[in-house]
Amino acid sequence: MKKRNIIIISSIVAVLIIVVVVTAFLNAGNMQEKKDLEEKAIMQVMSGGGLLGKIDMDLIREIGIKNFYANLDTSDSDPEEHQYSGIPVNDALKVLEINIDDYSTVTAKAIDGYNVVFDVSEIMDEDSIWIAIEKDGKPLGSKSSGGSGPYQIIIKKDAFSQRWCKFVIELELK
């Protein structure tokens, strides 16, 4: 009986190891693509697996960078108002000629796997959801450099900063 249990446990462990190795191999290419987007400061706008457009620093400058204030509230600090610079998400989608009315949700996806989902009505609110590139006059910096960017989604009306998304590399429209 003991021998049988050892064989079963060994088999399960072997299968789990194979699953982990295969998953790591499949994600290796995906991770390199994410790092390339971060290094080039490109945020892709996707729908149904297809690329609808790209947001980069040139597009943000073309739209016109604006300053706005939002309260940053972390688990280890009290709420603190900061000046951010960026553009409303809605402005970027308009310039890319993406009709937001064709979708019901927008998901901000970060390089570290974190996702935040927004209703389209939140995106349509001109002063609600922003793509930030600077905080207090300084670039956000990339995840690899210890920053929170190059792009961060900020919801000005979120009093507790719970739905903010750092390191954004993709907006997925559904």
C-alpha atoms as a PDB file:
ATOM      1  CA  MET A   1       0.000   0.000   0.000  1.00  0.00           C
ATOM      2  CA  LYS A   2       2.812   2.432   0.844  1.00  0.00           C
ATOM      3  CA  LYS A   3       4.532   1.715  -2.454  1.00  0.00           C
ATOM      4  CA  ARG A   4       1.332   2.462  -4.347  1.00  0.00           C
ATOM      5  CA  ASN A   5       0.873   5.814  -2.536  1.00  0.00           C
ATOM      6  CA  ILE A   6       4.466   6.791  -3.301  1.00  0.00           C
ATOM      7  CA  ILE A   7       3.954   5.985  -6.999  1.00  0.00           C
ATOM      8  CA  ILE A   8       0.728   8.016  -7.109  1.00  0.00           C
ATOM      9  CA  ILE A   9       2.279  11.007  -5.344  1.00  0.00           C
ATOM     10  CA  SER A  10       5.391  10.831  -7.543  1.00  0.00           C
ATOM     11  CA  SER A  11       3.212  10.740 -10.661  1.00  0.00           C
ATOM     12  CA  ILE A  12       1.213  13.767  -9.530  1.00  0.00           C
ATOM     13  CA  VAL A  13       4.389  15.714  -8.740  1.00  0.00           C
ATOM     14  CA  ALA A  14       5.858  14.787 -12.144  1.00  0.00           C
ATOM     15  CA  VAL A  15       2.712  15.966 -13.952  1.00  0.00           C
ATOM     16  CA  LEU A  16       2.739  19.252 -12.006  1.00  0.00           C
ATOM     17  CA  ILE A  17       6.394  19.831 -12.865  1.00  0.00           C
ATOM     18  CA  ILE A  18       5.663  19.227 -16.560  1.00  0.00           C
ATOM     19  CA  VAL A  19       2.712  21.663 -16.438  1.00  0.00           C
ATOM     20  CA  VAL A  20       4.874  24.351 -14.799  1.00  0.00           C
ATOM     21  CA  VAL A  21       7.691  23.904 -17.339  1.00  0.00           C
ATOM     22  CA  VAL A  22       5.318  24.026 -20.330  1.00  0.00           C
ATOM     23  CA  THR A  23       3.515  27.090 -18.950  1.00  0.00           C
ATOM     24  CA  ALA A  24       6.813  28.874 -18.294  1.00  0.00           C
ATOM     25  CA  PHE A  25       7.974  28.092 -21.829  1.00  0.00           C
ATOM     26  CA  LEU A  26       4.750  29.401 -23.366  1.00  0.00           C
ATOM     27  CA  ASN A  27       4.849  32.584 -21.287  1.00  0.00           C
ATOM     28  CA  ALA A  28       8.505  33.324 -22.044  1.00  0.00           C
ATOM     29  CA  GLY A  29       7.677  34.717 -25.498  1.00  0.00           C
ATOM     30  CA  ASN A  30       4.719  36.635 -24.135  1.00  0.00           C
ATOM     31  CA  MET A  31       6.890  38.176 -21.412  1.00  0.00           C
ATOM     32  CA  GLN A  32       9.447  39.355 -23.966  1.00  0.00           C
ATOM     33  CA  GLU A  33       6.673  41.013 -25.962  1.00  0.00           C
ATOM     34  CA  LYS A  34       5.463  42.767 -22.790  1.00  0.00           C
ATOM     35  CA  LYS A  35       8.984  43.974 -21.989  1.00  0.00           C
ATOM     36  CA  ASP A  36       9.344  45.333 -25.518  1.00  0.00           C
ATOM     37  CA  LEU A  37       6.103  47.298 -25.123  1.00  0.00           C
ATOM     38  CA  GLU A  38       7.343  48.670 -21.795  1.00  0.00           C
ATOM     39  CA  GLU A  39      10.767  49.639 -23.182  1.00  0.00           C
ATOM     40  CA  LYS A  40       9.243  51.344 -26.238  1.00  0.00           C
ATOM     41  CA  ALA A  41       6.491  52.966 -24.109  1.00  0.00           C
ATOM     42  CA  ILE A  42       3.703  51.575 -26.278  1.00  0.00           C
ATOM     43  CA  MET A  43       0.199  50.792 -25.073  1.00  0.00           C
ATOM     44  CA  GLN A  44      -1.755  48.595 -27.451  1.00  0.00           C
ATOM     45  CA  VAL A  45      -5.496  48.966 -27.942  1.00  0.00           C
ATOM     46  CA  MET A  46      -6.928  45.519 -28.698  1.00  0.00           C
ATOM     47  CA  SER A  47     -10.293  43.901 -29.382  1.00  0.00           C
ATOM     48  CA  GLY A  48     -10.981  40.246 -30.059  1.00  0.00           C
ATOM     49  CA  GLY A  49      -7.269  39.527 -30.378  1.00  0.00           C
ATOM     50  CA  GLY A  50      -6.835  42.188 -33.067  1.00  0.00           C
ATOM     51  CA  LEU A  51      -4.841  45.406 -32.794  1.00  0.00           C
ATOM     52  CA  LEU A  52      -7.011  48.523 -33.128  1.00  0.00           C
ATOM     53  CA  GLY A  53      -4.271  51.060 -32.464  1.00  0.00           C
ATOM     54  CA  LYS A  54      -1.257  52.070 -30.414  1.00  0.00           C
ATOM     55  CA  ILE A  55      -0.835  54.805 -27.850  1.00  0.00           C
ATOM     56  CA  ASP A  56       2.675  56.173 -27.433  1.00  0.00           C
ATOM     57  CA  MET A  57       4.304  59.339 -26.125  1.00  0.00           C
ATOM     58  CA  ASP A  58       4.084  61.029 -29.538  1.00  0.00           C
ATOM     59  CA  LEU A  59       0.324  60.472 -29.689  1.00  0.00           C
ATOM     60  CA  ILE A  60      -0.102  61.746 -26.131  1.00  0.00           C
ATOM     61  CA  ARG A  61       1.889  64.909 -26.956  1.00  0.00           C
ATOM     62  CA  GLU A  62      -0.138  65.352 -30.160  1.00  0.00           C
ATOM     63  CA  ILE A  63      -3.404  65.188 -28.183  1.00  0.00           C
ATOM     64  CA  GLY A  64      -2.048  67.650 -25.634  1.00  0.00           C
ATOM     65  CA  ILE A  65      -0.792  66.782 -22.187  1.00  0.00           C
ATOM     66  CA  LYS A  66      -2.896  68.233 -19.381  1.00  0.00           C
ATOM     67  CA  ASN A  67      -2.260  68.481 -15.663  1.00  0.00           C
ATOM     68  CA  PHE A  68      -4.814  67.104 -13.216  1.00  0.00           C
ATOM     69  CA  TYR A  69      -4.985  66.333  -9.527  1.00  0.00           C
ATOM     70  CA  ALA A  70      -5.884  63.019  -7.908  1.00  0.00           C
ATOM     71  CA  ASN A  71      -5.605  61.564  -4.416  1.00  0.00           C
ATOM     72  CA  LEU A  72      -3.210  58.665  -4.015  1.00  0.00           C
ATOM     73  CA  ASP A  73      -4.206  56.474  -1.075  1.00  0.00           C
ATOM     74  CA  THR A  74      -2.042  53.442  -0.357  1.00  0.00           C
ATOM     75  CA  SER A  75      -2.390  50.811   2.341  1.00  0.00           C
ATOM     76  CA  ASP A  76       0.565  52.272   4.223  1.00  0.00           C
ATOM     77  CA  SER A  77      -0.133  55.999   3.858  1.00  0.00           C
ATOM     78  CA  ASP A  78      -2.903  58.533   4.240  1.00  0.00           C
ATOM     79  CA  PRO A  79      -4.529  60.008   1.119  1.00  0.00           C
ATOM     80  CA  GLU A  80      -2.266  62.529  -0.529  1.00  0.00           C
ATOM     81  CA  GLU A  81      -3.055  64.796  -3.471  1.00  0.00           C
ATOM     82  CA  HIS A  82      -0.590  64.705  -6.372  1.00  0.00           C
ATOM     83  CA  GLN A  83      -0.393  66.507  -9.672  1.00  0.00           C
ATOM     84  CA  TYR A  84      -0.377  64.130 -12.620  1.00  0.00           C
ATOM     85  CA  SER A  85       0.089  64.848 -16.314  1.00  0.00           C
ATOM     86  CA  GLY A  86      -1.526  62.935 -19.134  1.00  0.00           C
ATOM     87  CA  ILE A  87      -4.671  62.649 -21.235  1.00  0.00           C
ATOM     88  CA  PRO A  88      -8.165  61.245 -20.784  1.00  0.00           C
ATOM     89  CA  VAL A  89      -8.467  57.699 -22.167  1.00  0.00           C
ATOM     90  CA  ASN A  90     -11.480  58.849 -24.182  1.00  0.00           C
ATOM     91  CA  ASP A  91      -9.350  61.447 -26.030  1.00  0.00           C
ATOM     92  CA  ALA A  92      -6.849  58.780 -27.115  1.00  0.00           C
ATOM     93  CA  LEU A  93      -9.609  56.502 -28.399  1.00  0.00           C
ATOM     94  CA  LYS A  94     -11.167  59.391 -30.358  1.00  0.00           C
ATOM     95  CA  VAL A  95      -7.847  60.263 -32.031  1.00  0.00           C
ATOM     96  CA  LEU A  96      -7.376  56.583 -32.916  1.00  0.00           C
ATOM     97  CA  GLU A  97     -10.895  56.745 -34.427  1.00  0.00           C
ATOM     98  CA  ILE A  98     -12.162  53.945 -32.195  1.00  0.00           C
ATOM     99  CA  ASN A  99     -15.904  54.190 -31.611  1.00  0.00           C
ATOM    100  CA  ILE A 100     -16.272  53.364 -27.921  1.00  0.00           C
ATOM    101  CA  ASP A 101     -20.058  52.955 -28.401  1.00  0.00           C
ATOM    102  CA  ASP A 102     -19.342  49.608 -30.083  1.00  0.00           C
ATOM    103  CA  TYR A 103     -18.080  48.152 -26.777  1.00  0.00           C
ATOM    104  CA  SER A 104     -19.329  47.641 -23.232  1.00  0.00           C
ATOM    105  CA  THR A 105     -16.092  47.321 -21.230  1.00  0.00           C
ATOM    106  CA  VAL A 106     -12.473  48.424 -21.340  1.00  0.00           C
ATOM    107  CA  THR A 107      -9.832  46.388 -19.512  1.00  0.00           C
ATOM    108  CA  ALA A 108      -6.512  47.999 -18.592  1.00  0.00           C
ATOM    109  CA  LYS A 109      -3.803  45.316 -18.575  1.00  0.00           C
ATOM    110  CA  ALA A 110      -0.464  45.776 -16.847  1.00  0.00           C
ATOM    111  CA  ILE A 111       2.902  44.181 -17.522  1.00  0.00           C
ATOM    112  CA  ASP A 112       2.708  42.354 -14.172  1.00  0.00           C
ATOM    113  CA  GLY A 113      -0.626  40.704 -15.037  1.00  0.00           C
ATOM    114  CA  TYR A 114      -2.843  43.071 -13.047  1.00  0.00           C
ATOM    115  CA  ASN A 115      -6.102  43.994 -14.810  1.00  0.00           C
ATOM    116  CA  VAL A 116      -8.789  46.579 -14.096  1.00  0.00           C
ATOM    117  CA  VAL A 117     -12.147  46.574 -15.904  1.00  0.00           C
ATOM    118  CA  PHE A 118     -14.107  49.761 -16.615  1.00  0.00           C
ATOM    119  CA  ASP A 119     -17.595  50.231 -17.962  1.00  0.00           C
ATOM    120  CA  VAL A 120     -17.651  52.207 -21.213  1.00  0.00           C
ATOM    121  CA  SER A 121     -19.761  54.892 -19.515  1.00  0.00           C
ATOM    122  CA  GLU A 122     -16.792  55.574 -17.188  1.00  0.00           C
ATOM    123  CA  ILE A 123     -14.492  56.004 -20.204  1.00  0.00           C
ATOM    124  CA  MET A 124     -16.966  58.368 -21.889  1.00  0.00           C
ATOM    125  CA  ASP A 125     -16.907  60.667 -18.866  1.00  0.00           C
ATOM    126  CA  GLU A 126     -14.369  63.216 -20.138  1.00  0.00           C
ATOM    127  CA  ASP A 127     -12.764  63.877 -16.752  1.00  0.00           C
ATOM    128  CA  SER A 128     -12.809  60.445 -15.139  1.00  0.00           C
ATOM    129  CA  ILE A 129     -10.220  57.981 -16.437  1.00  0.00           C
ATOM    130  CA  TRP A 130      -6.778  59.234 -17.425  1.00  0.00           C
ATOM    131  CA  ILE A 131      -3.578  57.899 -18.910  1.00  0.00           C
ATOM    132  CA  ALA A 132      -0.881  59.449 -16.729  1.00  0.00           C
ATOM    133  CA  ILE A 133       2.754  59.820 -17.789  1.00  0.00           C
ATOM    134  CA  GLU A 134       4.048  62.104 -15.001  1.00  0.00           C
ATOM    135  CA  LYS A 135       3.556  62.515 -11.273  1.00  0.00           C
ATOM    136  CA  ASP A 136       4.461  65.815  -9.618  1.00  0.00           C
ATOM    137  CA  GLY A 137       6.345  66.920 -12.745  1.00  0.00           C
ATOM    138  CA  LYS A 138       8.496  63.767 -13.048  1.00  0.00           C
ATOM    139  CA  PRO A 139       8.086  60.899 -15.542  1.00  0.00           C
ATOM    140  CA  LEU A 140       6.497  57.816 -13.997  1.00  0.00           C
ATOM    141  CA  GLY A 141       9.359  55.590 -15.117  1.00  0.00           C
ATOM    142  CA  SER A 142       9.049  51.935 -16.058  1.00  0.00           C
ATOM    143  CA  LYS A 143       8.475  48.948 -13.790  1.00  0.00           C
ATOM    144  CA  SER A 144      12.012  47.745 -14.470  1.00  0.00           C
ATOM    145  CA  SER A 145      13.388  51.117 -13.303  1.00  0.00           C
ATOM    146  CA  GLY A 146      11.302  51.131 -10.118  1.00  0.00           C
ATOM    147  CA  GLY A 147       8.616  53.460 -11.433  1.00  0.00           C
ATOM    148  CA  SER A 148       4.881  53.062 -11.933  1.00  0.00           C
ATOM    149  CA  GLY A 149       4.658  53.558 -15.708  1.00  0.00           C
ATOM    150  CA  PRO A 150       5.498  54.436 -18.347  1.00  0.00           C
ATOM    151  CA  TYR A 151       1.690  54.627 -18.319  1.00  0.00           C
ATOM    152  CA  GLN A 152      -0.648  54.516 -15.362  1.00  0.00           C
ATOM    153  CA  ILE A 153      -4.425  54.526 -15.519  1.00  0.00           C
ATOM    154  CA  ILE A 154      -5.842  56.899 -12.908  1.00  0.00           C
ATOM    155  CA  ILE A 155      -9.481  57.257 -12.009  1.00  0.00           C
ATOM    156  CA  LYS A 156      -9.843  60.743 -10.581  1.00  0.00           C
ATOM    157  CA  LYS A 157     -13.141  59.905  -8.888  1.00  0.00           C
ATOM    158  CA  ASP A 158     -11.722  56.849  -7.096  1.00  0.00           C
ATOM    159  CA  ALA A 159     -11.225  58.224  -3.586  1.00  0.00           C
ATOM    160  CA  PHE A 160      -9.127  55.262  -2.443  1.00  0.00           C
ATOM    161  CA  SER A 161      -7.018  54.627  -5.592  1.00  0.00           C
ATOM    162  CA  GLN A 162      -8.210  51.016  -5.608  1.00  0.00           C
ATOM    163  CA  ARG A 163      -8.904  50.789  -9.327  1.00  0.00           C
ATOM    164  CA  TRP A 164      -5.766  52.520 -10.536  1.00  0.00           C
ATOM    165  CA  CYS A 165      -3.498  50.443 -12.768  1.00  0.00           C
ATOM    166  CA  LYS A 166       0.275  50.898 -12.972  1.00  0.00           C
ATOM    167  CA  PHE A 167       2.539  49.576 -15.775  1.00  0.00           C
ATOM    168  CA  VAL A 168      -0.276  49.565 -18.389  1.00  0.00           C
ATOM    169  CA  ILE A 169       0.680  48.053 -21.739  1.00  0.00           C
ATOM    170  CA  GLU A 170      -2.754  47.237 -23.173  1.00  0.00           C
ATOM    171  CA  LEU A 171      -6.354  48.390 -23.297  1.00  0.00           C
ATOM    172  CA  GLU A 172      -8.716  45.614 -24.330  1.00  0.00           C
ATOM    173  CA  LEU A 173     -12.138  46.609 -25.619  1.00  0.00           C
ATOM    174  CA  LYS A 174     -15.019  44.141 -25.365  1.00  0.00           C
END
